[in-house]
């Protein structure tokens, strides 16, 4: 794998988001529509995590997201960022903080 320089890393806006609502995306078995808070703003995300998480277990959870990804329509819903997770085989785990920290906080 080719490495990146620190300037490339600084282009990524990785932020903590609090899940306000979560629901299945109609017509998809894999996607959930999330409404998240970044502190001063709210966004909609479409995430391929439905086989690993039920909507109700995500409510109030703080998750890491890529906030400066260009918006993209997925199943007719504009996704305004990307949820970050770890995967190993058929297992998936969201990236969550180990201490309480404000939503909107930036990863560094």
N, C-alpha and C. Protein backbone atom coordinates (compact mmCIF):
# COMPACT_ATOMS: atom_id res chain seq x y z
N UNK A 1 0.84 -1.17 0.00
CA UNK A 1 0.00 0.00 0.00
C UNK A 1 0.89 1.24 0.00
N UNK A 2 0.53 2.19 -0.82
CA UNK A 2 1.29 3.43 -0.91
C UNK A 2 0.91 4.36 0.23
N UNK A 3 1.89 4.98 0.86
CA UNK A 3 1.64 5.89 1.97
C UNK A 3 1.17 7.25 1.49
N UNK A 4 0.57 7.99 2.41
CA UNK A 4 0.17 9.37 2.12
C UNK A 4 1.00 10.30 2.99
N UNK A 5 1.05 11.56 2.61
CA UNK A 5 1.78 12.51 3.43
C UNK A 5 0.82 13.19 4.41
N UNK A 6 1.35 13.95 5.34
CA UNK A 6 0.54 14.57 6.38
C UNK A 6 -0.46 15.57 5.81
N UNK A 7 -0.11 16.21 4.71
CA UNK A 7 -1.05 17.15 4.07
C UNK A 7 -2.29 16.42 3.58
N UNK A 8 -2.11 15.21 3.03
CA UNK A 8 -3.25 14.40 2.59
C UNK A 8 -4.14 14.05 3.78
N UNK A 9 -3.54 13.65 4.89
CA UNK A 9 -4.31 13.31 6.08
C UNK A 9 -5.12 14.51 6.57
N UNK A 10 -4.50 15.70 6.55
CA UNK A 10 -5.19 16.90 7.03
C UNK A 10 -6.38 17.28 6.16
N UNK A 11 -6.47 16.75 4.96
CA UNK A 11 -7.63 17.01 4.10
C UNK A 11 -8.88 16.29 4.59
N UNK A 12 -8.69 15.23 5.39
CA UNK A 12 -9.82 14.46 5.90
C UNK A 12 -10.43 15.16 7.10
N UNK A 13 -11.74 15.37 7.05
CA UNK A 13 -12.46 15.97 8.17
C UNK A 13 -13.20 14.84 8.90
N UNK A 14 -12.51 14.21 9.85
CA UNK A 14 -13.06 13.11 10.62
C UNK A 14 -13.66 13.70 11.89
N UNK A 15 -14.98 13.49 12.08
CA UNK A 15 -15.64 14.11 13.22
C UNK A 15 -16.56 13.14 13.93
N UNK A 16 -16.81 13.44 15.20
CA UNK A 16 -17.72 12.65 16.01
C UNK A 16 -19.15 13.13 15.77
N UNK A 17 -20.03 12.19 15.50
CA UNK A 17 -21.44 12.50 15.25
C UNK A 17 -22.31 11.70 16.21
N UNK A 18 -23.37 12.32 16.69
CA UNK A 18 -24.33 11.64 17.57
C UNK A 18 -25.55 11.25 16.73
N UNK A 19 -25.93 9.98 16.81
CA UNK A 19 -27.07 9.49 16.03
C UNK A 19 -28.37 9.96 16.68
N UNK A 20 -29.15 10.75 15.94
CA UNK A 20 -30.43 11.26 16.41
C UNK A 20 -31.58 10.35 16.02
N UNK A 21 -31.48 9.77 14.82
CA UNK A 21 -32.51 8.84 14.35
C UNK A 21 -31.88 7.86 13.38
N UNK A 22 -32.52 6.70 13.26
CA UNK A 22 -32.03 5.66 12.34
C UNK A 22 -33.24 4.87 11.86
N UNK A 23 -33.24 4.57 10.56
CA UNK A 23 -34.34 3.79 9.99
C UNK A 23 -33.84 3.03 8.76
N UNK A 24 -34.49 1.90 8.48
CA UNK A 24 -34.11 1.14 7.28
C UNK A 24 -34.39 1.96 6.02
N UNK A 25 -33.59 1.72 4.99
CA UNK A 25 -33.82 2.35 3.69
C UNK A 25 -34.70 1.40 2.89
N UNK A 26 -35.84 1.90 2.45
CA UNK A 26 -36.79 1.08 1.70
C UNK A 26 -36.14 0.54 0.43
N UNK A 27 -36.29 -0.77 0.21
CA UNK A 27 -35.74 -1.41 -0.97
C UNK A 27 -34.33 -1.95 -0.79
N UNK A 28 -33.76 -1.79 0.40
CA UNK A 28 -32.40 -2.28 0.66
C UNK A 28 -32.36 -3.08 1.95
N UNK A 29 -31.62 -4.18 1.92
CA UNK A 29 -31.43 -4.99 3.13
C UNK A 29 -30.19 -4.55 3.91
N UNK A 30 -29.31 -3.79 3.26
CA UNK A 30 -28.02 -3.43 3.86
C UNK A 30 -27.95 -2.00 4.41
N UNK A 31 -28.84 -1.12 3.95
CA UNK A 31 -28.68 0.30 4.25
C UNK A 31 -29.59 0.81 5.36
N UNK A 32 -29.03 1.72 6.16
CA UNK A 32 -29.79 2.47 7.16
C UNK A 32 -29.63 3.96 6.85
N UNK A 33 -30.71 4.70 7.05
CA UNK A 33 -30.67 6.16 6.94
C UNK A 33 -30.51 6.70 8.36
N UNK A 34 -29.44 7.47 8.57
CA UNK A 34 -29.16 8.05 9.88
C UNK A 34 -29.27 9.56 9.82
N UNK A 35 -29.84 10.14 10.86
CA UNK A 35 -29.80 11.59 11.04
C UNK A 35 -28.85 11.81 12.20
N UNK A 36 -27.79 12.59 11.98
CA UNK A 36 -26.76 12.78 13.00
C UNK A 36 -26.56 14.25 13.32
N UNK A 37 -26.07 14.49 14.53
CA UNK A 37 -25.71 15.84 14.96
C UNK A 37 -24.20 15.95 15.02
N UNK A 38 -23.71 17.05 14.47
CA UNK A 38 -22.28 17.39 14.56
C UNK A 38 -22.11 18.60 15.48
N UNK A 39 -23.01 18.75 16.43
CA UNK A 39 -22.97 19.88 17.34
C UNK A 39 -23.77 21.04 16.80
N UNK A 40 -23.19 21.81 15.89
CA UNK A 40 -23.85 23.00 15.33
C UNK A 40 -24.67 22.70 14.08
N UNK A 41 -24.60 21.48 13.57
CA UNK A 41 -25.37 21.13 12.36
C UNK A 41 -25.82 19.69 12.41
N UNK A 42 -26.85 19.40 11.62
CA UNK A 42 -27.33 18.03 11.47
C UNK A 42 -27.16 17.61 10.03
N UNK A 43 -26.94 16.30 9.85
CA UNK A 43 -26.77 15.74 8.51
C UNK A 43 -27.48 14.41 8.39
N UNK A 44 -27.70 14.02 7.14
CA UNK A 44 -28.24 12.70 6.83
C UNK A 44 -27.12 11.85 6.24
N UNK A 45 -27.01 10.63 6.73
CA UNK A 45 -26.03 9.68 6.22
C UNK A 45 -26.74 8.40 5.81
N UNK A 46 -26.29 7.77 4.76
CA UNK A 46 -26.75 6.45 4.38
C UNK A 46 -25.58 5.51 4.60
N UNK A 47 -25.81 4.49 5.44
CA UNK A 47 -24.71 3.61 5.83
C UNK A 47 -25.08 2.15 5.60
N UNK A 48 -24.15 1.38 5.10
CA UNK A 48 -24.36 -0.05 4.83
C UNK A 48 -24.12 -0.90 6.06
N UNK A 49 -24.86 -0.63 7.13
CA UNK A 49 -24.63 -1.32 8.40
C UNK A 49 -25.85 -2.06 8.91
N UNK A 50 -26.91 -2.15 8.11
CA UNK A 50 -28.18 -2.73 8.58
C UNK A 50 -28.07 -4.21 8.96
N UNK A 51 -27.14 -4.94 8.38
CA UNK A 51 -26.99 -6.35 8.73
C UNK A 51 -26.24 -6.54 10.05
N UNK A 52 -25.70 -5.45 10.59
CA UNK A 52 -24.89 -5.52 11.80
C UNK A 52 -25.49 -4.76 12.98
N UNK A 53 -26.34 -3.77 12.69
CA UNK A 53 -26.94 -2.94 13.74
C UNK A 53 -28.43 -2.73 13.47
N UNK A 54 -29.22 -2.83 14.53
CA UNK A 54 -30.65 -2.48 14.46
C UNK A 54 -30.77 -0.98 14.68
N UNK A 55 -31.71 -0.32 14.02
CA UNK A 55 -31.84 1.13 14.19
C UNK A 55 -31.91 1.58 15.65
N UNK A 56 -32.67 0.87 16.47
CA UNK A 56 -32.85 1.30 17.86
C UNK A 56 -31.56 1.23 18.69
N UNK A 57 -30.62 0.37 18.33
CA UNK A 57 -29.38 0.30 19.11
C UNK A 57 -28.39 1.41 18.73
N UNK A 58 -28.70 2.17 17.70
CA UNK A 58 -27.83 3.27 17.28
C UNK A 58 -28.24 4.61 17.89
N UNK A 59 -29.47 4.73 18.36
CA UNK A 59 -29.96 6.00 18.88
C UNK A 59 -29.10 6.48 20.05
N UNK A 60 -28.61 7.70 19.94
CA UNK A 60 -27.79 8.30 20.97
C UNK A 60 -26.33 7.90 20.93
N UNK A 61 -25.97 6.94 20.08
CA UNK A 61 -24.58 6.48 19.98
C UNK A 61 -23.75 7.54 19.27
N UNK A 62 -22.53 7.73 19.74
CA UNK A 62 -21.60 8.65 19.08
C UNK A 62 -20.66 7.82 18.21
N UNK A 63 -20.57 8.21 16.94
CA UNK A 63 -19.82 7.45 15.94
C UNK A 63 -18.87 8.38 15.19
N UNK A 64 -17.84 7.82 14.62
CA UNK A 64 -16.90 8.60 13.83
C UNK A 64 -17.37 8.62 12.37
N UNK A 65 -17.28 9.79 11.75
CA UNK A 65 -17.69 9.91 10.36
C UNK A 65 -16.70 10.77 9.59
N UNK A 66 -16.68 10.57 8.28
CA UNK A 66 -15.93 11.42 7.36
C UNK A 66 -16.91 12.51 6.93
N UNK A 67 -16.67 13.74 7.38
CA UNK A 67 -17.63 14.82 7.19
C UNK A 67 -17.46 15.58 5.88
N UNK A 68 -16.29 15.51 5.25
CA UNK A 68 -16.10 16.31 4.04
C UNK A 68 -16.11 15.47 2.75
N UNK A 69 -16.75 14.30 2.81
CA UNK A 69 -16.96 13.53 1.59
C UNK A 69 -18.04 14.22 0.77
N UNK A 70 -17.86 14.31 -0.53
CA UNK A 70 -18.87 14.94 -1.38
C UNK A 70 -20.20 14.20 -1.24
N UNK A 71 -21.33 14.95 -1.13
CA UNK A 71 -22.64 14.30 -1.01
C UNK A 71 -22.92 13.41 -2.22
N UNK A 72 -23.66 12.33 -1.96
CA UNK A 72 -23.97 11.36 -3.01
C UNK A 72 -25.37 10.81 -2.77
N UNK A 73 -26.14 10.66 -3.83
CA UNK A 73 -27.48 10.07 -3.73
C UNK A 73 -27.37 8.55 -3.70
N UNK A 74 -27.97 7.95 -2.68
CA UNK A 74 -28.01 6.49 -2.53
C UNK A 74 -29.46 6.12 -2.27
N UNK A 75 -30.05 5.33 -3.16
CA UNK A 75 -31.46 4.96 -3.07
C UNK A 75 -32.33 6.21 -2.97
N UNK A 76 -31.95 7.26 -3.67
CA UNK A 76 -32.72 8.50 -3.70
C UNK A 76 -32.53 9.40 -2.49
N UNK A 77 -31.64 9.03 -1.57
CA UNK A 77 -31.38 9.82 -0.37
C UNK A 77 -29.99 10.43 -0.48
N UNK A 78 -29.88 11.74 -0.24
CA UNK A 78 -28.56 12.37 -0.29
C UNK A 78 -27.81 12.06 1.00
N UNK A 79 -26.70 11.36 0.87
CA UNK A 79 -25.83 11.04 2.00
C UNK A 79 -24.77 12.12 2.08
N UNK A 80 -24.65 12.75 3.27
CA UNK A 80 -23.78 13.90 3.45
C UNK A 80 -22.56 13.55 4.31
N UNK A 81 -21.95 12.42 4.01
CA UNK A 81 -20.78 11.97 4.74
C UNK A 81 -20.73 10.46 4.74
N UNK A 82 -19.77 9.90 5.49
CA UNK A 82 -19.61 8.45 5.54
C UNK A 82 -19.33 8.01 6.97
N UNK A 83 -20.06 6.99 7.40
CA UNK A 83 -19.81 6.37 8.70
C UNK A 83 -18.55 5.53 8.60
N UNK A 84 -17.68 5.62 9.59
CA UNK A 84 -16.45 4.83 9.60
C UNK A 84 -16.62 3.62 10.52
N UNK A 85 -16.16 2.48 10.06
CA UNK A 85 -16.28 1.23 10.82
C UNK A 85 -15.09 0.34 10.51
N UNK A 86 -14.89 -0.63 11.37
CA UNK A 86 -13.87 -1.66 11.16
C UNK A 86 -14.59 -2.92 10.68
N UNK A 87 -13.96 -3.66 9.78
CA UNK A 87 -14.57 -4.91 9.34
C UNK A 87 -13.52 -6.01 9.30
N UNK A 88 -13.99 -7.20 9.63
CA UNK A 88 -13.14 -8.39 9.61
C UNK A 88 -14.03 -9.55 9.22
N UNK A 89 -13.84 -10.06 8.00
CA UNK A 89 -14.72 -11.12 7.52
C UNK A 89 -16.15 -10.61 7.46
N UNK A 90 -17.05 -11.29 8.17
CA UNK A 90 -18.45 -10.87 8.16
C UNK A 90 -18.81 -10.04 9.39
N UNK A 91 -17.81 -9.61 10.16
CA UNK A 91 -18.05 -8.80 11.36
C UNK A 91 -17.75 -7.34 11.08
N UNK A 92 -18.53 -6.46 11.74
CA UNK A 92 -18.36 -5.02 11.55
C UNK A 92 -18.51 -4.34 12.91
N UNK A 93 -17.70 -3.32 13.16
CA UNK A 93 -17.78 -2.56 14.41
C UNK A 93 -17.63 -1.08 14.11
N UNK A 94 -18.57 -0.29 14.59
CA UNK A 94 -18.46 1.16 14.45
C UNK A 94 -17.33 1.68 15.31
N UNK A 95 -16.74 2.80 14.91
CA UNK A 95 -15.69 3.44 15.70
C UNK A 95 -16.36 4.41 16.67
N UNK A 96 -16.23 4.13 17.95
CA UNK A 96 -16.87 4.94 18.99
C UNK A 96 -15.82 5.38 20.01
N UNK A 97 -16.02 6.55 20.65
CA UNK A 97 -15.05 7.02 21.64
C UNK A 97 -15.13 6.21 22.93
N UNK A 98 -14.01 6.14 23.65
CA UNK A 98 -14.01 5.43 24.93
C UNK A 98 -14.29 6.37 26.10
N UNK A 99 -14.42 7.68 25.82
CA UNK A 99 -14.78 8.68 26.83
C UNK A 99 -15.86 9.58 26.24
N UNK A 100 -16.60 10.24 27.12
CA UNK A 100 -17.63 11.17 26.65
C UNK A 100 -16.95 12.41 26.07
N UNK A 101 -17.31 12.74 24.85
CA UNK A 101 -16.75 13.91 24.17
C UNK A 101 -17.85 14.49 23.29
N UNK A 102 -17.81 15.79 23.09
CA UNK A 102 -18.86 16.48 22.35
C UNK A 102 -18.94 16.06 20.89
N UNK A 103 -20.18 15.95 20.39
CA UNK A 103 -20.32 15.68 18.96
C UNK A 103 -19.81 16.89 18.19
N UNK A 104 -19.26 16.61 17.03
CA UNK A 104 -18.63 17.63 16.22
C UNK A 104 -17.12 17.71 16.45
N UNK A 105 -16.62 17.07 17.53
CA UNK A 105 -15.19 17.07 17.80
C UNK A 105 -14.45 16.43 16.63
N UNK A 106 -13.29 16.98 16.29
CA UNK A 106 -12.50 16.49 15.17
C UNK A 106 -11.47 15.47 15.64
N UNK A 107 -11.28 14.44 14.81
CA UNK A 107 -10.22 13.47 15.05
C UNK A 107 -8.90 14.08 14.61
N UNK A 108 -7.84 13.74 15.32
CA UNK A 108 -6.52 14.26 14.94
C UNK A 108 -5.48 13.20 15.20
